[in-house]
ModelCIF file with pLDDT and N, C-alpha, C, O atoms, coordinates in Angstrom:
data_MODEL
#
_entry.id   MODEL 
#
_entity.id                         1 
_entity.type                       polymer 
_entity.pdbx_number_of_molecules   1 
#
_entity_poly.entity_id                      1 
_entity_poly.type                           'polypeptide(L)' 
_entity_poly.nstd_linkage                   no 
_entity_poly.nstd_monomer                   no 
_entity_poly.pdbx_seq_one_letter_code       
;(UNK)(UNK)(UNK)(UNK)(UNK)(UNK)(UNK)(UNK)(UNK)(UNK)(UNK)(UNK)(UNK)(UNK)(UNK)(UNK)
(UNK)(UNK)(UNK)(UNK)(UNK)(UNK)(UNK)(UNK)(UNK)(UNK)(UNK)(UNK)(UNK)(UNK)(UNK)(UNK)
(UNK)(UNK)(UNK)(UNK)(UNK)(UNK)(UNK)(UNK)(UNK)(UNK)
;
_entity_poly.pdbx_seq_one_letter_code_can   XXXXXXXXXXXXXXXXXXXXXXXXXXXXXXXXXXXXXXXXXX 
_entity_poly.pdbx_strand_id                 A 
#
loop_
_entity_poly_seq.entity_id 
_entity_poly_seq.num 
_entity_poly_seq.mon_id 
_entity_poly_seq.hetero 
1 1  UNK n 
1 2  UNK n 
1 3  UNK n 
1 4  UNK n 
1 5  UNK n 
1 6  UNK n 
1 7  UNK n 
1 8  UNK n 
1 9  UNK n 
1 10 UNK n 
1 11 UNK n 
1 12 UNK n 
1 13 UNK n 
1 14 UNK n 
1 15 UNK n 
1 16 UNK n 
1 17 UNK n 
1 18 UNK n 
1 19 UNK n 
1 20 UNK n 
1 21 UNK n 
1 22 UNK n 
1 23 UNK n 
1 24 UNK n 
1 25 UNK n 
1 26 UNK n 
1 27 UNK n 
1 28 UNK n 
1 29 UNK n 
1 30 UNK n 
1 31 UNK n 
1 32 UNK n 
1 33 UNK n 
1 34 UNK n 
1 35 UNK n 
1 36 UNK n 
1 37 UNK n 
1 38 UNK n 
1 39 UNK n 
1 40 UNK n 
1 41 UNK n 
1 42 UNK n 
#
_struct_asym.id          A 
_struct_asym.entity_id   1 
#
loop_
_ma_qa_metric.id 
_ma_qa_metric.mode 
_ma_qa_metric.name 
_ma_qa_metric.software_group_id 
_ma_qa_metric.type 
1 global pLDDT . pLDDT 
2 local  pLDDT . pLDDT 
#
_ma_qa_metric_global.metric_id      1 
_ma_qa_metric_global.metric_value   73.93 
_ma_qa_metric_global.model_id       1 
_ma_qa_metric_global.ordinal_id     1 
#
loop_
_ma_qa_metric_local.label_asym_id 
_ma_qa_metric_local.label_comp_id 
_ma_qa_metric_local.label_seq_id 
_ma_qa_metric_local.metric_id 
_ma_qa_metric_local.metric_value 
_ma_qa_metric_local.model_id 
_ma_qa_metric_local.ordinal_id 
A UNK 1  2 41.00 1 1  
A UNK 2  2 44.00 1 2  
A UNK 3  2 46.00 1 3  
A UNK 4  2 43.00 1 4  
A UNK 5  2 42.00 1 5  
A UNK 6  2 43.00 1 6  
A UNK 7  2 44.00 1 7  
A UNK 8  2 42.00 1 8  
A UNK 9  2 41.00 1 9  
A UNK 10 2 42.00 1 10 
A UNK 11 2 44.00 1 11 
A UNK 12 2 51.00 1 12 
A UNK 13 2 56.00 1 13 
A UNK 14 2 64.00 1 14 
A UNK 15 2 75.00 1 15 
A UNK 16 2 83.00 1 16 
A UNK 17 2 87.00 1 17 
A UNK 18 2 90.00 1 18 
A UNK 19 2 89.00 1 19 
A UNK 20 2 89.00 1 20 
A UNK 21 2 91.00 1 21 
A UNK 22 2 90.00 1 22 
A UNK 23 2 89.00 1 23 
A UNK 24 2 89.00 1 24 
A UNK 25 2 90.00 1 25 
A UNK 26 2 88.00 1 26 
A UNK 27 2 85.00 1 27 
A UNK 28 2 87.00 1 28 
A UNK 29 2 88.00 1 29 
A UNK 30 2 83.00 1 30 
A UNK 31 2 81.00 1 31 
A UNK 32 2 82.00 1 32 
A UNK 33 2 86.00 1 33 
A UNK 34 2 90.00 1 34 
A UNK 35 2 92.00 1 35 
A UNK 36 2 92.00 1 36 
A UNK 37 2 93.00 1 37 
A UNK 38 2 92.00 1 38 
A UNK 39 2 92.00 1 39 
A UNK 40 2 92.00 1 40 
A UNK 41 2 89.00 1 41 
A UNK 42 2 88.00 1 42 
#
loop_
_atom_site.group_PDB 
_atom_site.id 
_atom_site.type_symbol 
_atom_site.label_atom_id 
_atom_site.label_alt_id 
_atom_site.label_comp_id 
_atom_site.label_asym_id 
_atom_site.label_entity_id 
_atom_site.label_seq_id 
_atom_site.pdbx_PDB_ins_code 
_atom_site.Cartn_x 
_atom_site.Cartn_y 
_atom_site.Cartn_z 
_atom_site.occupancy 
_atom_site.B_iso_or_equiv 
_atom_site.pdbx_formal_charge 
_atom_site.auth_seq_id 
_atom_site.auth_comp_id 
_atom_site.auth_asym_id 
_atom_site.auth_atom_id 
_atom_site.pdbx_PDB_model_num 
ATOM 1   N N  . UNK A 1 1  ? 12.100 23.902 9.379   1.00 41.00 ? 1  UNK A N  1 
ATOM 2   C CA . UNK A 1 1  ? 12.094 23.234 10.608  1.00 41.00 ? 1  UNK A CA 1 
ATOM 3   C C  . UNK A 1 1  ? 10.958 22.138 10.568  1.00 41.00 ? 1  UNK A C  1 
ATOM 4   O O  . UNK A 1 1  ? 9.916  22.377 9.959   1.00 41.00 ? 1  UNK A O  1 
ATOM 5   N N  . UNK A 1 2  ? 11.138 21.056 11.153  1.00 44.00 ? 2  UNK A N  1 
ATOM 6   C CA . UNK A 1 2  ? 10.033 20.073 11.193  1.00 44.00 ? 2  UNK A CA 1 
ATOM 7   C C  . UNK A 1 2  ? 8.808  20.553 11.982  1.00 44.00 ? 2  UNK A C  1 
ATOM 8   O O  . UNK A 1 2  ? 8.920  21.137 13.060  1.00 44.00 ? 2  UNK A O  1 
ATOM 9   N N  . UNK A 1 3  ? 7.695  20.295 11.426  1.00 46.00 ? 3  UNK A N  1 
ATOM 10  C CA . UNK A 1 3  ? 6.410  20.757 12.169  1.00 46.00 ? 3  UNK A CA 1 
ATOM 11  C C  . UNK A 1 3  ? 6.390  20.186 13.656  1.00 46.00 ? 3  UNK A C  1 
ATOM 12  O O  . UNK A 1 3  ? 6.537  18.994 13.926  1.00 46.00 ? 3  UNK A O  1 
ATOM 13  N N  . UNK A 1 4  ? 6.204  21.119 14.504  1.00 43.00 ? 4  UNK A N  1 
ATOM 14  C CA . UNK A 1 4  ? 6.258  20.582 15.941  1.00 43.00 ? 4  UNK A CA 1 
ATOM 15  C C  . UNK A 1 4  ? 5.094  19.662 16.246  1.00 43.00 ? 4  UNK A C  1 
ATOM 16  O O  . UNK A 1 4  ? 5.148  18.883 17.198  1.00 43.00 ? 4  UNK A O  1 
ATOM 17  N N  . UNK A 1 5  ? 4.078  19.741 15.475  1.00 42.00 ? 5  UNK A N  1 
ATOM 18  C CA . UNK A 1 5  ? 2.959  18.775 15.811  1.00 42.00 ? 5  UNK A CA 1 
ATOM 19  C C  . UNK A 1 5  ? 3.156  17.437 15.143  1.00 42.00 ? 5  UNK A C  1 
ATOM 20  O O  . UNK A 1 5  ? 2.340  16.536 15.337  1.00 42.00 ? 5  UNK A O  1 
ATOM 21  N N  . UNK A 1 6  ? 4.200  17.273 14.367  1.00 43.00 ? 6  UNK A N  1 
ATOM 22  C CA . UNK A 1 6  ? 4.363  16.020 13.645  1.00 43.00 ? 6  UNK A CA 1 
ATOM 23  C C  . UNK A 1 6  ? 4.738  14.928 14.702  1.00 43.00 ? 6  UNK A C  1 
ATOM 24  O O  . UNK A 1 6  ? 5.414  15.201 15.695  1.00 43.00 ? 6  UNK A O  1 
ATOM 25  N N  . UNK A 1 7  ? 4.281  13.732 14.444  1.00 44.00 ? 7  UNK A N  1 
ATOM 26  C CA . UNK A 1 7  ? 4.545  12.596 15.417  1.00 44.00 ? 7  UNK A CA 1 
ATOM 27  C C  . UNK A 1 7  ? 6.014  12.300 15.497  1.00 44.00 ? 7  UNK A C  1 
ATOM 28  O O  . UNK A 1 7  ? 6.721  12.268 14.490  1.00 44.00 ? 7  UNK A O  1 
ATOM 29  N N  . UNK A 1 8  ? 6.460  12.085 16.703  1.00 42.00 ? 8  UNK A N  1 
ATOM 30  C CA . UNK A 1 8  ? 7.949  11.750 16.878  1.00 42.00 ? 8  UNK A CA 1 
ATOM 31  C C  . UNK A 1 8  ? 8.273  10.568 16.129  1.00 42.00 ? 8  UNK A C  1 
ATOM 32  O O  . UNK A 1 8  ? 7.492  9.619  16.073  1.00 42.00 ? 8  UNK A O  1 
ATOM 33  N N  . UNK A 1 9  ? 9.439  10.581 15.523  1.00 41.00 ? 9  UNK A N  1 
ATOM 34  C CA . UNK A 1 9  ? 10.007 9.426  14.820  1.00 41.00 ? 9  UNK A CA 1 
ATOM 35  C C  . UNK A 1 9  ? 9.468  9.254  13.427  1.00 41.00 ? 9  UNK A C  1 
ATOM 36  O O  . UNK A 1 9  ? 9.858  8.287  12.773  1.00 41.00 ? 9  UNK A O  1 
ATOM 37  N N  . UNK A 1 10 ? 8.619  10.092 12.921  1.00 42.00 ? 10 UNK A N  1 
ATOM 38  C CA . UNK A 1 10 ? 8.028  9.895  11.550  1.00 42.00 ? 10 UNK A CA 1 
ATOM 39  C C  . UNK A 1 10 ? 9.123  10.367 10.573  1.00 42.00 ? 10 UNK A C  1 
ATOM 40  O O  . UNK A 1 10 ? 9.669  11.458 10.739  1.00 42.00 ? 10 UNK A O  1 
ATOM 41  N N  . UNK A 1 11 ? 9.432  9.576  9.590   1.00 44.00 ? 11 UNK A N  1 
ATOM 42  C CA . UNK A 1 11 ? 10.343 9.760  8.600   1.00 44.00 ? 11 UNK A CA 1 
ATOM 43  C C  . UNK A 1 11 ? 9.705  9.993  7.208   1.00 44.00 ? 11 UNK A C  1 
ATOM 44  O O  . UNK A 1 11 ? 8.659  9.422  6.898   1.00 44.00 ? 11 UNK A O  1 
ATOM 45  N N  . UNK A 1 12 ? 10.355 10.846 6.371   1.00 51.00 ? 12 UNK A N  1 
ATOM 46  C CA . UNK A 1 12 ? 9.815  10.998 5.015   1.00 51.00 ? 12 UNK A CA 1 
ATOM 47  C C  . UNK A 1 12 ? 10.130 9.719  4.170   1.00 51.00 ? 12 UNK A C  1 
ATOM 48  O O  . UNK A 1 12 ? 11.155 9.064  4.359   1.00 51.00 ? 12 UNK A O  1 
ATOM 49  N N  . UNK A 1 13 ? 9.244  9.417  3.281   1.00 56.00 ? 13 UNK A N  1 
ATOM 50  C CA . UNK A 1 13 ? 9.513  8.219  2.415   1.00 56.00 ? 13 UNK A CA 1 
ATOM 51  C C  . UNK A 1 13 ? 10.601 8.553  1.496   1.00 56.00 ? 13 UNK A C  1 
ATOM 52  O O  . UNK A 1 13 ? 10.786 9.718  1.143   1.00 56.00 ? 13 UNK A O  1 
ATOM 53  N N  . UNK A 1 14 ? 11.401 7.484  1.054   1.00 64.00 ? 14 UNK A N  1 
ATOM 54  C CA . UNK A 1 14 ? 12.495 7.655  0.180   1.00 64.00 ? 14 UNK A CA 1 
ATOM 55  C C  . UNK A 1 14 ? 12.002 7.984  -1.255  1.00 64.00 ? 14 UNK A C  1 
ATOM 56  O O  . UNK A 1 14 ? 10.874 7.691  -1.649  1.00 64.00 ? 14 UNK A O  1 
ATOM 57  N N  . UNK A 1 15 ? 12.956 8.628  -2.017  1.00 75.00 ? 15 UNK A N  1 
ATOM 58  C CA . UNK A 1 15 ? 12.655 8.949  -3.418  1.00 75.00 ? 15 UNK A CA 1 
ATOM 59  C C  . UNK A 1 15 ? 12.369 7.639  -4.249  1.00 75.00 ? 15 UNK A C  1 
ATOM 60  O O  . UNK A 1 15 ? 13.010 6.611  -4.030  1.00 75.00 ? 15 UNK A O  1 
ATOM 61  N N  . UNK A 1 16 ? 11.474 7.705  -5.123  1.00 83.00 ? 16 UNK A N  1 
ATOM 62  C CA . UNK A 1 16 ? 11.191 6.481  -5.942  1.00 83.00 ? 16 UNK A CA 1 
ATOM 63  C C  . UNK A 1 16 ? 12.314 6.284  -6.970  1.00 83.00 ? 16 UNK A C  1 
ATOM 64  O O  . UNK A 1 16 ? 13.046 7.215  -7.307  1.00 83.00 ? 16 UNK A O  1 
ATOM 65  N N  . UNK A 1 17 ? 12.419 5.072  -7.441  1.00 87.00 ? 17 UNK A N  1 
ATOM 66  C CA . UNK A 1 17 ? 13.515 4.657  -8.332  1.00 87.00 ? 17 UNK A CA 1 
ATOM 67  C C  . UNK A 1 17 ? 13.090 3.605  -9.269  1.00 87.00 ? 17 UNK A C  1 
ATOM 68  O O  . UNK A 1 17 ? 11.900 3.318  -9.406  1.00 87.00 ? 17 UNK A O  1 
ATOM 69  N N  . UNK A 1 18 ? 14.094 2.988  -9.955  1.00 90.00 ? 18 UNK A N  1 
ATOM 70  C CA . UNK A 1 18 ? 13.890 1.878  -10.863 1.00 90.00 ? 18 UNK A CA 1 
ATOM 71  C C  . UNK A 1 18 ? 13.227 0.701  -10.114 1.00 90.00 ? 18 UNK A C  1 
ATOM 72  O O  . UNK A 1 18 ? 12.456 -0.035 -10.730 1.00 90.00 ? 18 UNK A O  1 
ATOM 73  N N  . UNK A 1 19 ? 13.508 0.490  -8.768  1.00 89.00 ? 19 UNK A N  1 
ATOM 74  C CA . UNK A 1 19 ? 12.966 -0.535 -8.072  1.00 89.00 ? 19 UNK A CA 1 
ATOM 75  C C  . UNK A 1 19 ? 11.425 -0.439 -7.987  1.00 89.00 ? 19 UNK A C  1 
ATOM 76  O O  . UNK A 1 19 ? 10.757 -1.455 -7.794  1.00 89.00 ? 19 UNK A O  1 
ATOM 77  N N  . UNK A 1 20 ? 10.870 0.759  -8.129  1.00 89.00 ? 20 UNK A N  1 
ATOM 78  C CA . UNK A 1 20 ? 9.468  0.977  -8.031  1.00 89.00 ? 20 UNK A CA 1 
ATOM 79  C C  . UNK A 1 20 ? 8.806  1.016  -9.402  1.00 89.00 ? 20 UNK A C  1 
ATOM 80  O O  . UNK A 1 20 ? 7.645  1.408  -9.523  1.00 89.00 ? 20 UNK A O  1 
ATOM 81  N N  . UNK A 1 21 ? 9.537  0.613  -10.427 1.00 91.00 ? 21 UNK A N  1 
ATOM 82  C CA . UNK A 1 21 ? 8.981  0.584  -11.727 1.00 91.00 ? 21 UNK A CA 1 
ATOM 83  C C  . UNK A 1 21 ? 7.778  -0.287 -12.015 1.00 91.00 ? 21 UNK A C  1 
ATOM 84  O O  . UNK A 1 21 ? 6.849  0.026  -12.758 1.00 91.00 ? 21 UNK A O  1 
ATOM 85  N N  . UNK A 1 22 ? 7.911  -1.488 -11.299 1.00 90.00 ? 22 UNK A N  1 
ATOM 86  C CA . UNK A 1 22 ? 6.870  -2.527 -11.468 1.00 90.00 ? 22 UNK A CA 1 
ATOM 87  C C  . UNK A 1 22 ? 5.528  -1.893 -10.913 1.00 90.00 ? 22 UNK A C  1 
ATOM 88  O O  . UNK A 1 22 ? 4.481  -1.982 -11.554 1.00 90.00 ? 22 UNK A O  1 
ATOM 89  N N  . UNK A 1 23 ? 5.608  -1.257 -9.710  1.00 89.00 ? 23 UNK A N  1 
ATOM 90  C CA . UNK A 1 23 ? 4.316  -0.704 -9.172  1.00 89.00 ? 23 UNK A CA 1 
ATOM 91  C C  . UNK A 1 23 ? 3.803  0.473  -10.066 1.00 89.00 ? 23 UNK A C  1 
ATOM 92  O O  . UNK A 1 23 ? 2.591  0.656  -10.180 1.00 89.00 ? 23 UNK A O  1 
ATOM 93  N N  . UNK A 1 24 ? 4.649  1.218  -10.657 1.00 89.00 ? 24 UNK A N  1 
ATOM 94  C CA . UNK A 1 24 ? 4.186  2.268  -11.615 1.00 89.00 ? 24 UNK A CA 1 
ATOM 95  C C  . UNK A 1 24 ? 3.495  1.625  -12.819 1.00 89.00 ? 24 UNK A C  1 
ATOM 96  O O  . UNK A 1 24 ? 2.432  2.088  -13.232 1.00 89.00 ? 24 UNK A O  1 
ATOM 97  N N  . UNK A 1 25 ? 4.034  0.649  -13.344 1.00 90.00 ? 25 UNK A N  1 
ATOM 98  C CA . UNK A 1 25 ? 3.451  -0.087 -14.507 1.00 90.00 ? 25 UNK A CA 1 
ATOM 99  C C  . UNK A 1 25 ? 2.169  -0.627 -14.154 1.00 90.00 ? 25 UNK A C  1 
ATOM 100 O O  . UNK A 1 25 ? 1.228  -0.496 -14.937 1.00 90.00 ? 25 UNK A O  1 
ATOM 101 N N  . UNK A 1 26 ? 2.026  -1.249 -13.002 1.00 88.00 ? 26 UNK A N  1 
ATOM 102 C CA . UNK A 1 26 ? 0.777  -1.844 -12.572 1.00 88.00 ? 26 UNK A CA 1 
ATOM 103 C C  . UNK A 1 26 ? -0.239 -0.789 -12.485 1.00 88.00 ? 26 UNK A C  1 
ATOM 104 O O  . UNK A 1 26 ? -1.354 -1.010 -12.957 1.00 88.00 ? 26 UNK A O  1 
ATOM 105 N N  . UNK A 1 27 ? 0.047  0.406  -11.895 1.00 85.00 ? 27 UNK A N  1 
ATOM 106 C CA . UNK A 1 27 ? -0.939 1.410  -11.835 1.00 85.00 ? 27 UNK A CA 1 
ATOM 107 C C  . UNK A 1 27 ? -1.433 1.854  -13.162 1.00 85.00 ? 27 UNK A C  1 
ATOM 108 O O  . UNK A 1 27 ? -2.625 2.099  -13.348 1.00 85.00 ? 27 UNK A O  1 
ATOM 109 N N  . UNK A 1 28 ? -0.496 1.965  -14.118 1.00 87.00 ? 28 UNK A N  1 
ATOM 110 C CA . UNK A 1 28 ? -0.904 2.464  -15.427 1.00 87.00 ? 28 UNK A CA 1 
ATOM 111 C C  . UNK A 1 28 ? -1.790 1.303  -16.108 1.00 87.00 ? 28 UNK A C  1 
ATOM 112 O O  . UNK A 1 28 ? -2.732 1.604  -16.840 1.00 87.00 ? 28 UNK A O  1 
ATOM 113 N N  . UNK A 1 29 ? -1.487 0.110  -15.868 1.00 88.00 ? 29 UNK A N  1 
ATOM 114 C CA . UNK A 1 29 ? -2.298 -1.015 -16.497 1.00 88.00 ? 29 UNK A CA 1 
ATOM 115 C C  . UNK A 1 29 ? -3.713 -1.034 -15.967 1.00 88.00 ? 29 UNK A C  1 
ATOM 116 O O  . UNK A 1 29 ? -4.648 -1.387 -16.686 1.00 88.00 ? 29 UNK A O  1 
ATOM 117 N N  . UNK A 1 30 ? -3.872 -0.659 -14.718 1.00 83.00 ? 30 UNK A N  1 
ATOM 118 C CA . UNK A 1 30 ? -5.190 -0.544 -14.091 1.00 83.00 ? 30 UNK A CA 1 
ATOM 119 C C  . UNK A 1 30 ? -6.111 0.478  -14.829 1.00 83.00 ? 30 UNK A C  1 
ATOM 120 O O  . UNK A 1 30 ? -7.338 0.431  -14.738 1.00 83.00 ? 30 UNK A O  1 
ATOM 121 N N  . UNK A 1 31 ? -5.421 1.420  -15.579 1.00 81.00 ? 31 UNK A N  1 
ATOM 122 C CA . UNK A 1 31 ? -6.291 2.398  -16.250 1.00 81.00 ? 31 UNK A CA 1 
ATOM 123 C C  . UNK A 1 31 ? -6.818 1.829  -17.535 1.00 81.00 ? 31 UNK A C  1 
ATOM 124 O O  . UNK A 1 31 ? -7.687 2.425  -18.170 1.00 81.00 ? 31 UNK A O  1 
ATOM 125 N N  . UNK A 1 32 ? -6.283 0.631  -17.949 1.00 82.00 ? 32 UNK A N  1 
ATOM 126 C CA . UNK A 1 32 ? -6.696 0.058  -19.244 1.00 82.00 ? 32 UNK A CA 1 
ATOM 127 C C  . UNK A 1 32 ? -5.663 0.127  -20.327 1.00 82.00 ? 32 UNK A C  1 
ATOM 128 O O  . UNK A 1 32 ? -5.844 -0.454 -21.397 1.00 82.00 ? 32 UNK A O  1 
ATOM 129 N N  . UNK A 1 33 ? -4.555 0.843  -20.068 1.00 86.00 ? 33 UNK A N  1 
ATOM 130 C CA . UNK A 1 33 ? -3.500 0.922  -21.034 1.00 86.00 ? 33 UNK A CA 1 
ATOM 131 C C  . UNK A 1 33 ? -2.618 -0.304 -20.956 1.00 86.00 ? 33 UNK A C  1 
ATOM 132 O O  . UNK A 1 33 ? -2.097 -0.643 -19.893 1.00 86.00 ? 33 UNK A O  1 
ATOM 133 N N  . UNK A 1 34 ? -2.449 -0.985 -22.123 1.00 90.00 ? 34 UNK A N  1 
ATOM 134 C CA . UNK A 1 34 ? -1.538 -2.110 -22.189 1.00 90.00 ? 34 UNK A CA 1 
ATOM 135 C C  . UNK A 1 34 ? -0.064 -1.756 -22.147 1.00 90.00 ? 34 UNK A C  1 
ATOM 136 O O  . UNK A 1 34 ? 0.432  -1.119 -23.076 1.00 90.00 ? 34 UNK A O  1 
ATOM 137 N N  . UNK A 1 35 ? 0.643  -2.140 -21.121 1.00 92.00 ? 35 UNK A N  1 
ATOM 138 C CA . UNK A 1 35 ? 1.990  -1.759 -20.985 1.00 92.00 ? 35 UNK A CA 1 
ATOM 139 C C  . UNK A 1 35 ? 2.880  -3.010 -20.871 1.00 92.00 ? 35 UNK A C  1 
ATOM 140 O O  . UNK A 1 35 ? 2.598  -3.930 -20.103 1.00 92.00 ? 35 UNK A O  1 
ATOM 141 N N  . UNK A 1 36 ? 3.965  -3.008 -21.663 1.00 92.00 ? 36 UNK A N  1 
ATOM 142 C CA . UNK A 1 36 ? 4.901  -4.140 -21.581 1.00 92.00 ? 36 UNK A CA 1 
ATOM 143 C C  . UNK A 1 36 ? 6.267  -3.560 -21.029 1.00 92.00 ? 36 UNK A C  1 
ATOM 144 O O  . UNK A 1 36 ? 6.681  -2.446 -21.348 1.00 92.00 ? 36 UNK A O  1 
ATOM 145 N N  . UNK A 1 37 ? 6.923  -4.420 -20.175 1.00 93.00 ? 37 UNK A N  1 
ATOM 146 C CA . UNK A 1 37 ? 8.232  -3.942 -19.542 1.00 93.00 ? 37 UNK A CA 1 
ATOM 147 C C  . UNK A 1 37 ? 9.292  -4.910 -19.768 1.00 93.00 ? 37 UNK A C  1 
ATOM 148 O O  . UNK A 1 37 ? 9.142  -6.066 -19.376 1.00 93.00 ? 37 UNK A O  1 
ATOM 149 N N  . UNK A 1 38 ? 10.345 -4.544 -20.363 1.00 92.00 ? 38 UNK A N  1 
ATOM 150 C CA . UNK A 1 38 ? 11.550 -5.328 -20.560 1.00 92.00 ? 38 UNK A CA 1 
ATOM 151 C C  . UNK A 1 38 ? 12.714 -4.665 -19.759 1.00 92.00 ? 38 UNK A C  1 
ATOM 152 O O  . UNK A 1 38 ? 12.844 -3.444 -19.670 1.00 92.00 ? 38 UNK A O  1 
ATOM 153 N N  . UNK A 1 39 ? 13.505 -5.528 -19.214 1.00 92.00 ? 39 UNK A N  1 
ATOM 154 C CA . UNK A 1 39 ? 14.765 -5.065 -18.540 1.00 92.00 ? 39 UNK A CA 1 
ATOM 155 C C  . UNK A 1 39 ? 15.815 -6.035 -19.112 1.00 92.00 ? 39 UNK A C  1 
ATOM 156 O O  . UNK A 1 39 ? 15.703 -7.249 -18.946 1.00 92.00 ? 39 UNK A O  1 
ATOM 157 N N  . UNK A 1 40 ? 16.860 -5.466 -19.803 1.00 92.00 ? 40 UNK A N  1 
ATOM 158 C CA . UNK A 1 40 ? 17.873 -6.201 -20.526 1.00 92.00 ? 40 UNK A CA 1 
ATOM 159 C C  . UNK A 1 40 ? 19.205 -5.901 -19.850 1.00 92.00 ? 40 UNK A C  1 
ATOM 160 O O  . UNK A 1 40 ? 19.382 -4.809 -19.309 1.00 92.00 ? 40 UNK A O  1 
ATOM 161 N N  . UNK A 1 41 ? 20.088 -6.786 -19.866 1.00 89.00 ? 41 UNK A N  1 
ATOM 162 C CA . UNK A 1 41 ? 21.407 -6.680 -19.291 1.00 89.00 ? 41 UNK A CA 1 
ATOM 163 C C  . UNK A 1 41 ? 21.420 -6.830 -17.803 1.00 89.00 ? 41 UNK A C  1 
ATOM 164 O O  . UNK A 1 41 ? 20.353 -6.911 -17.195 1.00 89.00 ? 41 UNK A O  1 
ATOM 165 N N  . UNK A 1 42 ? 22.587 -6.871 -17.175 1.00 88.00 ? 42 UNK A N  1 
ATOM 166 C CA . UNK A 1 42 ? 22.729 -7.074 -15.768 1.00 88.00 ? 42 UNK A CA 1 
ATOM 167 C C  . UNK A 1 42 ? 22.456 -5.816 -15.025 1.00 88.00 ? 42 UNK A C  1 
ATOM 168 O O  . UNK A 1 42 ? 22.530 -5.797 -13.797 1.00 88.00 ? 42 UNK A O  1 
#
């Protein structure tokens, strides 16, 4: 059951996916690791 003290209308965030890959790579780059990303095909 949902916690009764939770604010009304609050929804859980969606699962991450390929659309969030850019944000993931940016976080990793901020650590100093050089990361290159390629997306090929349609």
